[in-house]
N, C-alpha and C. Protein backbone atom coordinates (compact mmCIF):
# COMPACT_ATOMS: atom_id res chain seq x y z
N MET A 1 -4.80 9.12 -2.83
CA MET A 1 -3.82 9.93 -3.78
C MET A 1 -2.85 8.94 -4.34
N ILE A 2 -2.14 9.40 -5.34
CA ILE A 2 -1.12 8.69 -5.95
C ILE A 2 0.14 9.55 -5.89
N TYR A 3 1.26 8.90 -5.72
CA TYR A 3 2.50 9.66 -5.65
C TYR A 3 3.44 9.29 -6.82
N GLU A 4 4.35 10.17 -7.15
CA GLU A 4 5.32 9.78 -8.18
C GLU A 4 6.66 9.86 -7.51
N GLU A 5 7.52 8.86 -7.85
CA GLU A 5 8.94 8.88 -7.58
C GLU A 5 9.70 9.14 -9.00
N ARG A 6 10.34 10.28 -8.96
CA ARG A 6 11.06 10.68 -10.17
C ARG A 6 12.47 10.48 -9.88
N ARG A 7 13.24 9.73 -10.67
CA ARG A 7 14.70 9.43 -10.39
C ARG A 7 15.42 9.98 -11.62
N ILE A 8 16.36 10.85 -11.25
CA ILE A 8 17.13 11.55 -12.26
C ILE A 8 18.70 11.42 -12.05
N HIS A 9 19.35 11.10 -13.04
CA HIS A 9 20.90 11.19 -12.95
C HIS A 9 21.35 12.35 -13.78
N LEU A 10 21.93 13.40 -13.20
CA LEU A 10 22.34 14.46 -13.78
C LEU A 10 23.84 14.31 -14.43
N HIS A 11 24.12 15.12 -15.35
CA HIS A 11 25.51 15.19 -15.91
C HIS A 11 26.34 15.90 -14.71
N ARG A 12 27.69 15.64 -14.69
CA ARG A 12 28.49 15.93 -13.58
C ARG A 12 28.45 17.36 -13.66
N GLY A 13 28.42 17.98 -12.44
CA GLY A 13 28.56 19.30 -12.18
C GLY A 13 27.20 20.21 -12.34
N ALA A 14 26.14 19.48 -12.79
CA ALA A 14 24.82 20.13 -13.11
C ALA A 14 23.89 20.20 -11.98
N PHE A 15 24.29 19.75 -10.76
CA PHE A 15 23.37 19.68 -9.72
C PHE A 15 22.78 20.97 -9.13
N GLN A 16 23.61 22.07 -8.99
CA GLN A 16 23.17 23.30 -8.56
C GLN A 16 22.15 23.96 -9.56
N ASP A 17 22.53 23.95 -10.65
CA ASP A 17 21.55 24.45 -11.69
C ASP A 17 20.29 23.75 -11.59
N TYR A 18 20.37 22.46 -11.59
CA TYR A 18 18.96 21.73 -11.49
C TYR A 18 18.27 22.02 -10.22
N ARG A 19 18.96 22.20 -9.09
CA ARG A 19 18.24 22.41 -7.90
C ARG A 19 17.58 23.79 -7.87
N ALA A 20 18.31 24.66 -8.48
CA ALA A 20 17.66 26.17 -8.50
C ALA A 20 16.42 25.98 -9.39
N TRP A 21 16.38 25.32 -10.42
CA TRP A 21 15.21 25.13 -11.32
C TRP A 21 14.04 24.34 -10.48
N ALA A 22 14.49 23.32 -9.86
CA ALA A 22 13.51 22.48 -9.20
C ALA A 22 12.80 23.18 -8.05
N LEU A 23 13.62 23.96 -7.34
CA LEU A 23 13.01 24.61 -6.11
C LEU A 23 12.25 25.97 -6.50
N GLN A 24 12.80 26.72 -7.50
CA GLN A 24 12.28 27.98 -7.81
C GLN A 24 11.19 28.02 -9.01
N THR A 25 11.31 26.96 -9.74
CA THR A 25 10.24 26.80 -10.88
C THR A 25 9.40 25.66 -10.79
N LEU A 26 9.98 24.51 -10.60
CA LEU A 26 9.22 23.23 -10.72
C LEU A 26 8.20 23.26 -9.48
N TRP A 27 8.75 23.41 -8.21
CA TRP A 27 8.00 23.20 -7.04
C TRP A 27 6.81 24.27 -6.88
N PRO A 28 6.95 25.55 -7.16
CA PRO A 28 5.89 26.52 -7.28
C PRO A 28 4.84 26.15 -8.28
N GLY A 29 5.40 25.52 -9.42
CA GLY A 29 4.39 25.14 -10.50
C GLY A 29 3.44 24.12 -10.05
N LEU A 30 4.02 23.10 -9.43
CA LEU A 30 3.24 21.99 -8.84
C LEU A 30 2.35 22.46 -7.79
N VAL A 31 2.60 23.39 -6.80
CA VAL A 31 1.67 23.78 -5.96
C VAL A 31 0.65 24.53 -6.44
N ASP A 32 1.04 25.46 -7.44
CA ASP A 32 -0.03 26.26 -8.06
C ASP A 32 -1.04 25.48 -8.84
N ALA A 33 -0.59 24.24 -9.33
CA ALA A 33 -1.57 23.41 -9.94
C ALA A 33 -2.30 22.56 -9.12
N GLY A 34 -2.04 22.60 -7.77
CA GLY A 34 -2.86 21.93 -6.77
C GLY A 34 -2.16 20.45 -6.33
N HIS A 35 -0.99 20.28 -6.74
CA HIS A 35 -0.31 19.07 -6.35
C HIS A 35 0.54 19.28 -5.08
N HIS A 36 1.19 18.24 -4.64
CA HIS A 36 1.90 18.19 -3.25
C HIS A 36 3.20 17.72 -3.37
N PRO A 37 4.25 18.45 -3.75
CA PRO A 37 5.67 18.10 -3.71
C PRO A 37 6.09 17.80 -2.37
N LEU A 38 6.71 16.77 -2.06
CA LEU A 38 7.19 16.27 -0.70
C LEU A 38 8.66 16.62 -0.33
N CYS A 39 9.47 16.42 -1.47
CA CYS A 39 10.99 16.61 -1.11
C CYS A 39 11.73 16.45 -2.49
N VAL A 40 12.81 17.17 -2.50
CA VAL A 40 13.93 16.99 -3.48
C VAL A 40 15.12 16.42 -2.91
N LEU A 41 15.59 15.32 -3.17
CA LEU A 41 16.70 14.68 -2.54
C LEU A 41 17.91 14.46 -3.49
N ASN A 42 19.17 14.60 -3.14
CA ASN A 42 20.31 14.10 -3.92
C ASN A 42 21.35 13.39 -2.93
N GLY A 43 22.18 12.62 -3.75
CA GLY A 43 22.95 11.73 -3.06
C GLY A 43 24.01 12.34 -2.13
N LEU A 44 24.07 11.69 -0.98
CA LEU A 44 25.10 12.07 0.13
C LEU A 44 26.09 11.02 0.46
N ILE A 45 25.47 9.87 0.80
CA ILE A 45 26.39 8.52 1.17
C ILE A 45 25.72 7.44 0.45
N GLY A 46 26.33 6.73 -0.34
CA GLY A 46 25.75 5.57 -1.07
C GLY A 46 25.16 5.89 -2.43
N ALA A 47 25.08 7.08 -2.76
CA ALA A 47 24.61 7.65 -4.13
C ALA A 47 25.46 8.88 -4.48
N GLU A 48 25.61 9.10 -5.87
CA GLU A 48 26.22 10.32 -6.25
C GLU A 48 25.60 11.63 -6.08
N VAL A 49 26.32 12.67 -5.94
CA VAL A 49 25.73 14.03 -5.88
C VAL A 49 24.69 14.18 -7.04
N GLU A 50 25.01 13.64 -8.09
CA GLU A 50 24.18 13.86 -9.33
C GLU A 50 22.90 12.94 -9.33
N ASP A 51 22.79 12.11 -8.38
CA ASP A 51 21.67 11.24 -8.33
C ASP A 51 20.56 12.01 -7.55
N VAL A 52 19.42 12.34 -8.19
CA VAL A 52 18.40 13.17 -7.72
C VAL A 52 17.08 12.26 -7.58
N VAL A 53 16.34 12.33 -6.49
CA VAL A 53 14.98 11.76 -6.45
C VAL A 53 14.08 12.64 -5.89
N CYS A 54 12.89 12.87 -6.56
CA CYS A 54 11.87 13.76 -6.22
C CYS A 54 10.52 12.98 -5.93
N TYR A 55 9.87 13.27 -4.92
CA TYR A 55 8.56 12.66 -4.64
C TYR A 55 7.37 13.79 -4.55
N THR A 56 6.41 13.45 -5.34
CA THR A 56 5.23 14.39 -5.32
C THR A 56 3.91 13.73 -5.35
N GLY A 57 2.92 14.23 -4.64
CA GLY A 57 1.71 13.60 -4.55
C GLY A 57 0.60 14.25 -5.36
N PHE A 58 -0.31 13.40 -5.91
CA PHE A 58 -1.33 13.81 -6.86
C PHE A 58 -2.69 13.35 -6.39
N GLU A 59 -3.63 14.04 -6.77
CA GLU A 59 -5.08 13.68 -6.31
C GLU A 59 -5.46 12.16 -6.73
N ASP A 60 -5.18 11.89 -8.05
CA ASP A 60 -5.34 10.55 -8.53
C ASP A 60 -4.57 10.40 -9.77
N PHE A 61 -4.72 9.21 -10.54
CA PHE A 61 -3.98 8.87 -11.55
C PHE A 61 -3.95 9.90 -12.81
N ASP A 62 -5.23 10.49 -13.02
CA ASP A 62 -5.50 11.45 -14.05
C ASP A 62 -4.66 12.65 -13.71
N ALA A 63 -4.76 13.05 -12.60
CA ALA A 63 -3.98 14.34 -12.11
C ALA A 63 -2.43 14.14 -12.29
N TRP A 64 -1.96 12.99 -11.98
CA TRP A 64 -0.51 12.69 -12.23
C TRP A 64 -0.22 12.77 -13.72
N GLN A 65 -1.02 12.10 -14.54
CA GLN A 65 -0.76 12.13 -15.87
C GLN A 65 -0.73 13.57 -16.47
N ALA A 66 -1.84 14.37 -15.99
CA ALA A 66 -2.00 15.75 -16.55
C ALA A 66 -0.83 16.59 -16.10
N ALA A 67 -0.07 16.24 -15.03
CA ALA A 67 0.94 17.16 -14.55
C ALA A 67 2.26 16.89 -15.22
N GLN A 68 2.41 15.94 -16.14
CA GLN A 68 3.58 15.46 -16.73
C GLN A 68 4.34 16.61 -17.52
N PRO A 69 3.59 17.56 -18.17
CA PRO A 69 4.23 18.78 -18.74
C PRO A 69 5.01 19.55 -17.75
N ILE A 70 4.25 19.79 -16.55
CA ILE A 70 5.07 20.52 -15.51
C ILE A 70 6.34 19.80 -14.96
N LEU A 71 6.14 18.51 -14.74
CA LEU A 71 7.19 17.80 -14.27
C LEU A 71 8.46 17.61 -15.24
N ALA A 72 8.13 17.62 -16.61
CA ALA A 72 9.17 17.52 -17.45
C ALA A 72 9.84 18.96 -17.88
N GLY A 73 9.15 19.98 -17.50
CA GLY A 73 9.73 21.23 -17.79
C GLY A 73 9.35 21.63 -19.20
N ASP A 74 9.17 22.97 -19.45
CA ASP A 74 8.87 23.51 -20.71
C ASP A 74 10.24 23.56 -21.62
N SER A 75 9.99 24.27 -22.84
CA SER A 75 11.08 24.12 -23.77
C SER A 75 12.28 25.19 -23.28
N SER A 76 12.00 25.96 -22.31
CA SER A 76 13.08 26.76 -21.84
C SER A 76 14.03 26.19 -20.87
N VAL A 77 13.71 24.88 -20.38
CA VAL A 77 14.56 24.24 -19.45
C VAL A 77 15.57 23.49 -20.23
N PRO A 78 16.86 23.71 -19.69
CA PRO A 78 18.01 23.15 -20.47
C PRO A 78 18.04 21.70 -20.15
N ARG A 79 17.44 20.76 -21.02
CA ARG A 79 17.36 19.41 -20.70
C ARG A 79 18.72 18.76 -20.74
N ASP A 80 19.78 19.37 -21.24
CA ASP A 80 21.12 18.79 -21.32
C ASP A 80 21.57 18.70 -19.91
N TRP A 81 20.95 19.17 -18.94
CA TRP A 81 21.48 18.85 -17.56
C TRP A 81 21.34 17.24 -17.15
N ILE A 82 20.31 16.75 -17.84
CA ILE A 82 19.85 15.52 -17.39
C ILE A 82 20.43 14.20 -18.27
N ALA A 83 21.14 13.38 -17.59
CA ALA A 83 21.70 12.12 -18.27
C ALA A 83 20.61 11.10 -18.57
N THR A 84 19.88 10.70 -17.40
CA THR A 84 18.80 9.79 -17.59
C THR A 84 17.73 10.24 -16.56
N GLU A 85 16.41 9.96 -16.94
CA GLU A 85 15.39 10.35 -16.03
C GLU A 85 14.06 9.23 -16.16
N GLU A 86 13.60 8.87 -15.15
CA GLU A 86 12.45 7.79 -15.22
C GLU A 86 11.62 8.20 -13.96
N ALA A 87 10.30 7.94 -14.17
CA ALA A 87 9.26 8.34 -13.18
C ALA A 87 8.32 7.01 -13.10
N ARG A 88 7.68 6.93 -11.92
CA ARG A 88 6.96 5.80 -11.63
C ARG A 88 5.85 6.00 -10.59
N PRO A 89 4.62 5.58 -10.72
CA PRO A 89 3.64 5.86 -9.77
C PRO A 89 3.78 4.96 -8.52
N LEU A 90 3.41 5.63 -7.40
CA LEU A 90 3.55 4.75 -6.12
C LEU A 90 2.17 5.01 -5.30
N LEU A 91 1.88 4.07 -4.54
CA LEU A 91 0.78 4.08 -3.49
C LEU A 91 1.45 4.30 -2.25
N ALA A 92 0.65 5.16 -1.22
CA ALA A 92 1.22 5.48 0.05
C ALA A 92 0.65 4.46 1.05
N SER A 93 1.41 4.41 2.17
CA SER A 93 0.96 3.79 3.43
C SER A 93 -0.22 4.57 3.97
N ALA A 94 -1.03 3.96 4.77
CA ALA A 94 -2.18 4.60 5.46
C ALA A 94 -1.69 5.51 6.39
N TYR A 95 -0.52 5.48 6.87
CA TYR A 95 0.00 6.27 8.04
C TYR A 95 0.83 7.54 7.51
N ARG A 96 1.66 7.53 6.58
CA ARG A 96 2.45 8.53 6.02
C ARG A 96 2.72 8.39 4.68
N PRO A 97 2.61 9.58 3.81
CA PRO A 97 2.54 10.91 4.23
C PRO A 97 1.10 11.20 4.80
N THR A 98 0.98 12.39 5.64
CA THR A 98 -0.25 12.84 6.14
C THR A 98 -0.64 14.05 5.21
N GLY A 99 0.13 14.35 4.36
CA GLY A 99 -0.23 15.60 3.48
C GLY A 99 1.05 16.30 3.09
N PRO A 100 1.03 17.40 2.64
CA PRO A 100 2.28 18.06 2.20
C PRO A 100 3.28 18.15 3.48
N THR A 101 4.56 18.03 3.19
CA THR A 101 5.48 18.07 4.26
C THR A 101 5.55 19.32 5.05
N ARG A 102 5.14 19.37 6.23
CA ARG A 102 5.21 20.55 7.16
C ARG A 102 6.63 21.03 7.37
N PRO A 103 6.93 22.31 7.46
CA PRO A 103 8.25 22.74 7.76
C PRO A 103 8.85 22.14 9.00
N GLU A 104 8.08 21.80 10.09
CA GLU A 104 8.47 21.18 11.27
C GLU A 104 8.90 19.75 11.17
N ASP A 105 8.46 19.03 10.08
CA ASP A 105 8.75 17.59 9.86
C ASP A 105 9.79 17.49 8.95
N ARG A 106 10.34 18.61 8.39
CA ARG A 106 11.51 18.49 7.47
C ARG A 106 12.82 18.18 8.19
N ARG A 107 13.71 17.39 7.45
CA ARG A 107 15.00 17.21 8.11
C ARG A 107 15.99 17.39 6.88
N PRO A 108 17.18 17.59 7.45
CA PRO A 108 18.22 17.93 6.33
C PRO A 108 18.82 16.76 5.60
N VAL A 109 18.59 15.44 6.25
CA VAL A 109 19.26 14.30 5.74
C VAL A 109 18.12 13.14 5.85
N TYR A 110 18.05 12.44 4.70
CA TYR A 110 17.13 11.29 4.70
C TYR A 110 17.71 9.96 4.31
N GLY A 111 17.17 9.08 5.10
CA GLY A 111 17.65 7.50 4.70
C GLY A 111 16.56 7.22 3.74
N LEU A 112 16.98 6.91 2.41
CA LEU A 112 16.17 6.58 1.39
C LEU A 112 16.33 4.93 1.37
N ARG A 113 15.34 4.31 1.91
CA ARG A 113 15.45 2.83 2.20
C ARG A 113 14.48 2.07 1.27
N ARG A 114 15.05 1.02 0.60
CA ARG A 114 14.05 0.17 -0.22
C ARG A 114 14.12 -1.22 0.32
N TRP A 115 12.93 -1.59 0.44
CA TRP A 115 12.83 -3.06 0.91
C TRP A 115 11.99 -3.79 -0.30
N TRP A 116 12.18 -5.12 -0.09
CA TRP A 116 11.36 -6.00 -1.04
C TRP A 116 10.65 -6.96 -0.19
N ILE A 117 9.36 -7.06 -0.22
CA ILE A 117 8.49 -8.00 0.49
C ILE A 117 7.52 -8.78 -0.55
N GLN A 118 6.79 -9.75 0.01
CA GLN A 118 5.77 -10.34 -0.79
C GLN A 118 4.67 -9.38 -0.66
N PRO A 119 3.85 -9.13 -1.86
CA PRO A 119 2.84 -8.14 -1.94
C PRO A 119 1.66 -8.29 -0.83
N GLU A 120 1.41 -9.64 -0.47
CA GLU A 120 0.22 -9.81 0.45
C GLU A 120 0.73 -9.26 1.85
N ASP A 121 2.02 -8.85 2.14
CA ASP A 121 2.50 -8.53 3.35
C ASP A 121 2.49 -6.94 3.55
N TRP A 122 2.10 -6.21 2.52
CA TRP A 122 2.13 -4.79 2.49
C TRP A 122 1.52 -4.15 3.73
N LEU A 123 0.23 -4.63 3.98
CA LEU A 123 -0.48 -3.95 5.15
C LEU A 123 0.15 -4.27 6.51
N ALA A 124 0.65 -5.47 6.71
CA ALA A 124 1.25 -5.89 7.86
C ALA A 124 2.56 -5.20 8.08
N PHE A 125 3.38 -4.96 6.93
CA PHE A 125 4.51 -4.27 7.04
C PHE A 125 4.40 -2.82 7.53
N ASN A 126 3.30 -2.14 7.04
CA ASN A 126 3.06 -0.77 7.41
C ASN A 126 2.60 -0.81 8.88
N ARG A 127 1.70 -1.56 9.36
CA ARG A 127 1.24 -1.55 10.74
C ARG A 127 2.64 -1.81 11.69
N LEU A 128 3.39 -2.76 11.32
CA LEU A 128 4.56 -2.94 12.19
C LEU A 128 5.56 -1.84 12.23
N SER A 129 5.64 -1.19 11.06
CA SER A 129 6.33 0.02 10.98
C SER A 129 5.82 1.03 11.97
N TYR A 130 4.55 1.44 11.78
CA TYR A 130 4.02 2.56 12.48
C TYR A 130 3.97 2.21 13.95
N GLU A 131 3.51 0.92 14.26
CA GLU A 131 3.23 0.69 15.79
C GLU A 131 4.63 0.21 16.49
N GLY A 132 5.41 -0.41 15.68
CA GLY A 132 6.55 -1.01 16.38
C GLY A 132 7.96 -0.22 16.11
N VAL A 133 8.19 0.15 15.03
CA VAL A 133 9.47 0.81 14.58
C VAL A 133 9.63 2.37 14.87
N TRP A 134 8.67 2.93 14.26
CA TRP A 134 8.69 4.41 14.25
C TRP A 134 8.53 5.05 15.67
N PRO A 135 7.88 4.49 16.63
CA PRO A 135 7.83 5.26 17.96
C PRO A 135 9.10 5.45 18.53
N ALA A 136 10.01 4.37 18.54
CA ALA A 136 11.25 4.55 19.14
C ALA A 136 12.10 5.47 18.33
N MET A 137 12.08 5.44 16.92
CA MET A 137 12.87 6.36 16.28
C MET A 137 12.42 7.77 16.40
N ASP A 138 11.10 7.87 16.35
CA ASP A 138 10.59 9.38 16.59
C ASP A 138 10.98 9.88 17.94
N HIS A 139 11.11 9.13 18.80
CA HIS A 139 11.53 9.73 20.16
C HIS A 139 12.93 10.19 20.08
N MET A 140 13.64 9.72 19.23
CA MET A 140 15.17 10.24 18.91
C MET A 140 15.10 11.42 17.94
N GLY A 141 13.93 11.92 17.44
CA GLY A 141 13.93 13.04 16.67
C GLY A 141 13.91 12.65 15.12
N HIS A 142 13.81 11.31 14.75
CA HIS A 142 13.62 11.08 13.32
C HIS A 142 12.21 11.21 13.02
N TRP A 143 11.94 11.40 11.59
CA TRP A 143 10.60 11.43 11.13
C TRP A 143 10.39 11.02 9.75
N VAL A 144 9.51 10.04 9.60
CA VAL A 144 9.18 9.47 8.34
C VAL A 144 8.21 10.39 7.55
N ILE A 145 8.56 10.96 6.45
CA ILE A 145 7.54 11.68 5.70
C ILE A 145 6.74 11.03 4.81
N GLY A 146 7.18 9.63 4.54
CA GLY A 146 6.45 8.86 3.57
C GLY A 146 6.86 7.43 3.57
N GLN A 147 5.99 6.43 3.33
CA GLN A 147 6.38 5.12 3.05
C GLN A 147 5.38 4.71 1.98
N PHE A 148 5.92 3.96 0.89
CA PHE A 148 5.30 3.83 -0.26
C PHE A 148 5.61 2.38 -0.92
N ARG A 149 4.74 2.02 -1.83
CA ARG A 149 4.88 0.88 -2.58
C ARG A 149 4.76 1.07 -4.07
N ASP A 150 5.16 0.29 -4.96
CA ASP A 150 4.85 0.41 -6.31
C ASP A 150 3.48 0.25 -6.56
N ALA A 151 2.91 1.09 -7.41
CA ALA A 151 1.51 1.05 -7.75
C ALA A 151 1.14 -0.29 -8.50
N ALA A 152 2.15 -0.75 -9.29
CA ALA A 152 1.94 -2.15 -9.87
C ALA A 152 2.21 -3.16 -8.85
N THR A 153 1.34 -4.17 -8.80
CA THR A 153 1.64 -5.32 -7.84
C THR A 153 2.60 -6.29 -8.55
N THR A 154 3.71 -6.35 -8.02
CA THR A 154 4.77 -7.40 -8.42
C THR A 154 5.22 -8.25 -7.26
N SER A 155 5.82 -9.37 -7.57
CA SER A 155 6.34 -10.23 -6.51
C SER A 155 7.81 -10.51 -6.98
N PRO A 156 8.63 -9.99 -6.02
CA PRO A 156 8.50 -9.28 -4.70
C PRO A 156 8.06 -7.85 -4.98
N LEU A 157 7.54 -7.20 -4.03
CA LEU A 157 6.98 -5.89 -4.15
C LEU A 157 8.05 -4.89 -3.54
N ALA A 158 8.32 -3.84 -4.32
CA ALA A 158 9.23 -2.91 -3.81
C ALA A 158 8.62 -1.83 -2.79
N ILE A 159 9.18 -1.61 -1.73
CA ILE A 159 8.69 -0.56 -0.64
C ILE A 159 9.88 0.44 -0.63
N ILE A 160 9.30 1.69 -0.47
CA ILE A 160 10.17 2.85 -0.25
C ILE A 160 9.83 3.61 1.11
N ASN A 161 10.85 3.93 1.80
CA ASN A 161 10.81 4.63 3.00
C ASN A 161 11.66 5.92 3.07
N LEU A 162 11.05 6.95 3.52
CA LEU A 162 11.77 8.31 3.58
C LEU A 162 11.71 8.67 5.05
N ALA A 163 12.94 8.43 5.66
CA ALA A 163 13.13 8.72 7.20
C ALA A 163 14.18 9.86 7.32
N GLY A 164 13.72 10.92 8.00
CA GLY A 164 14.55 12.23 8.13
C GLY A 164 15.36 12.19 9.45
N TYR A 165 16.57 12.76 9.39
CA TYR A 165 17.51 12.84 10.44
C TYR A 165 18.13 14.34 10.40
N ARG A 166 18.63 14.71 11.54
CA ARG A 166 19.20 15.99 11.59
C ARG A 166 20.62 16.10 10.85
N ASP A 167 21.31 15.00 10.89
CA ASP A 167 22.54 14.84 10.22
C ASP A 167 23.01 13.41 10.12
N VAL A 168 24.11 13.09 9.62
CA VAL A 168 24.52 11.72 9.40
C VAL A 168 24.88 11.08 10.78
N ALA A 169 25.43 11.87 11.74
CA ALA A 169 25.53 11.35 13.11
C ALA A 169 24.21 11.05 13.86
N HIS A 170 23.21 11.79 13.49
CA HIS A 170 21.98 11.41 14.12
C HIS A 170 21.37 10.08 13.53
N TRP A 171 21.54 9.99 12.29
CA TRP A 171 21.11 8.66 11.57
C TRP A 171 21.93 7.53 12.40
N GLN A 172 23.28 7.72 12.49
CA GLN A 172 23.99 6.66 13.21
C GLN A 172 23.57 6.29 14.60
N ALA A 173 23.22 7.45 15.30
CA ALA A 173 22.74 7.22 16.74
C ALA A 173 21.46 6.41 16.76
N THR A 174 20.60 6.57 15.79
CA THR A 174 19.29 5.86 15.88
C THR A 174 19.56 4.33 15.60
N ARG A 175 20.64 3.96 15.17
CA ARG A 175 21.00 2.41 15.02
C ARG A 175 21.02 1.68 16.43
N THR A 176 21.23 2.55 17.48
CA THR A 176 21.42 1.91 18.77
C THR A 176 20.47 2.62 19.82
N PRO A 177 19.15 2.54 19.75
CA PRO A 177 18.27 3.30 20.48
C PRO A 177 18.29 3.15 21.96
N VAL A 178 18.75 1.90 22.41
CA VAL A 178 18.98 1.72 23.83
C VAL A 178 19.88 2.59 24.46
N GLU A 179 20.77 3.22 23.69
CA GLU A 179 21.72 4.08 24.38
C GLU A 179 21.33 5.51 24.39
N HIS A 180 20.12 5.78 23.87
CA HIS A 180 19.81 7.20 23.71
C HIS A 180 18.35 7.61 24.33
N GLY A 181 18.13 6.97 25.47
CA GLY A 181 16.98 7.38 26.32
C GLY A 181 15.65 7.08 25.81
N VAL A 182 15.44 6.04 25.00
CA VAL A 182 14.17 5.66 24.44
C VAL A 182 13.40 4.96 25.54
N PRO A 183 12.22 5.32 25.95
CA PRO A 183 11.56 4.64 27.00
C PRO A 183 11.47 3.08 26.75
N ALA A 184 11.47 2.33 27.88
CA ALA A 184 11.32 0.89 27.78
C ALA A 184 10.26 0.24 27.02
N GLN A 185 9.06 0.83 27.13
CA GLN A 185 7.95 0.36 26.39
C GLN A 185 8.12 0.44 24.80
N GLU A 186 8.73 1.60 24.45
CA GLU A 186 8.95 1.78 23.03
C GLU A 186 10.14 0.79 22.52
N LEU A 187 10.99 0.65 23.49
CA LEU A 187 12.16 -0.31 23.12
C LEU A 187 11.53 -1.79 22.94
N GLU A 188 10.66 -2.12 23.82
CA GLU A 188 9.99 -3.51 23.75
C GLU A 188 9.29 -3.67 22.45
N LYS A 189 8.50 -2.71 22.06
CA LYS A 189 7.83 -2.62 20.83
C LYS A 189 8.81 -2.78 19.73
N LEU A 190 9.84 -1.95 19.65
CA LEU A 190 10.91 -2.14 18.63
C LEU A 190 11.49 -3.55 18.55
N ALA A 191 11.68 -4.15 19.66
CA ALA A 191 12.35 -5.40 19.54
C ALA A 191 11.37 -6.36 19.07
N THR A 192 10.11 -6.40 19.54
CA THR A 192 9.26 -7.54 19.10
C THR A 192 8.61 -7.31 17.72
N LEU A 193 7.87 -6.08 17.69
CA LEU A 193 7.28 -5.85 16.36
C LEU A 193 8.31 -5.58 15.17
N GLY A 194 9.40 -5.01 15.59
CA GLY A 194 10.52 -4.84 14.53
C GLY A 194 11.01 -6.17 14.19
N ARG A 195 11.11 -7.22 15.09
CA ARG A 195 11.53 -8.53 14.57
C ARG A 195 10.51 -9.09 13.75
N ASP A 196 9.25 -8.97 13.96
CA ASP A 196 8.11 -9.36 13.11
C ASP A 196 8.34 -8.75 11.67
N ARG A 197 8.60 -7.46 11.68
CA ARG A 197 8.85 -6.83 10.41
C ARG A 197 10.06 -7.36 9.64
N ASP A 198 11.04 -7.58 10.43
CA ASP A 198 12.27 -8.19 9.79
C ASP A 198 11.95 -9.48 9.13
N ASP A 199 11.07 -10.31 9.70
CA ASP A 199 10.69 -11.61 9.25
C ASP A 199 10.01 -11.44 7.85
N ILE A 200 9.31 -10.37 7.64
CA ILE A 200 8.65 -10.15 6.31
C ILE A 200 9.64 -9.73 5.26
N GLU A 201 10.67 -9.00 5.58
CA GLU A 201 11.74 -8.52 4.59
C GLU A 201 12.30 -9.73 3.82
N ILE A 202 12.49 -9.41 2.48
CA ILE A 202 13.15 -10.30 1.64
C ILE A 202 14.68 -9.74 1.51
N SER A 203 14.82 -8.48 1.24
CA SER A 203 15.99 -7.85 1.11
C SER A 203 15.77 -6.35 1.29
N SER A 204 16.90 -5.63 1.57
CA SER A 204 16.77 -4.15 1.55
C SER A 204 18.06 -3.57 1.31
N TYR A 205 18.11 -2.08 1.05
CA TYR A 205 19.27 -1.35 1.15
C TYR A 205 18.88 -0.03 1.40
N VAL A 206 19.92 0.84 1.86
CA VAL A 206 19.65 2.18 2.23
C VAL A 206 20.80 3.18 1.80
N CYS A 207 20.55 4.24 1.26
CA CYS A 207 21.51 5.35 1.08
C CYS A 207 21.01 6.63 1.72
N LEU A 208 22.01 7.49 2.00
CA LEU A 208 21.58 8.75 2.71
C LEU A 208 21.65 9.81 1.58
N MET A 209 20.55 10.79 1.74
CA MET A 209 20.35 11.73 0.80
C MET A 209 20.32 13.09 1.49
N ALA A 210 20.76 14.03 0.76
CA ALA A 210 20.61 15.51 1.28
C ALA A 210 19.24 15.97 0.81
N ALA A 211 18.41 16.64 1.65
CA ALA A 211 17.18 17.20 1.30
C ALA A 211 17.20 18.71 0.86
N HIS A 212 16.33 19.12 -0.02
CA HIS A 212 16.25 20.41 -0.49
C HIS A 212 14.90 20.88 -0.42
N TRP A 213 14.60 22.15 0.03
CA TRP A 213 13.27 22.62 0.09
C TRP A 213 13.36 24.18 -0.45
N PRO A 214 12.19 24.76 -0.94
CA PRO A 214 12.12 26.07 -1.29
C PRO A 214 12.39 26.87 -0.08
N ASP A 215 12.91 28.10 -0.18
CA ASP A 215 13.00 29.14 0.82
C ASP A 215 11.87 29.54 1.36
């Protein structure tokens, strides 16, 4: 599959109107066309309320291109909501997403983290995430719904991770897993394989985003 990251900056005060359209019109339209919307996010900490990011899965590149009229909205959509908008194709990790986001895997808050690595480290980065970092985090209730890379191979290569939390305090608690009952075996993996992953990273940053789903 191929995924799209659509980054939108709205005019001030327009988020609730955009949210209603995205969840009530855009999301059902994508599902009806056979596509797989993952989440609609907007800024909570480290990004503005009007900063929106949407992730959607498509069967292949042709399906992504064919879906652009749905994603852009028809002529009835008040495009004056949007100050800027850009979209780019992504490739997914072999581990997540595992398909459309199941209700039980949804979280209200997401850490939208971006890393930069060398392109030849992509497979190792994903293996170290899945085997070394995520088990300890998952034990504390976090859940990654997707990890992606740019479809274009660049150096450095941009990586995107969408990790969900119950709230901001839960995100903060996962910074210190040793204090939150994580089994010793998972802590050891986090320490060793997590360090190996850190060695691959060139740079990174994270912002916290609020998640929105259809009713």
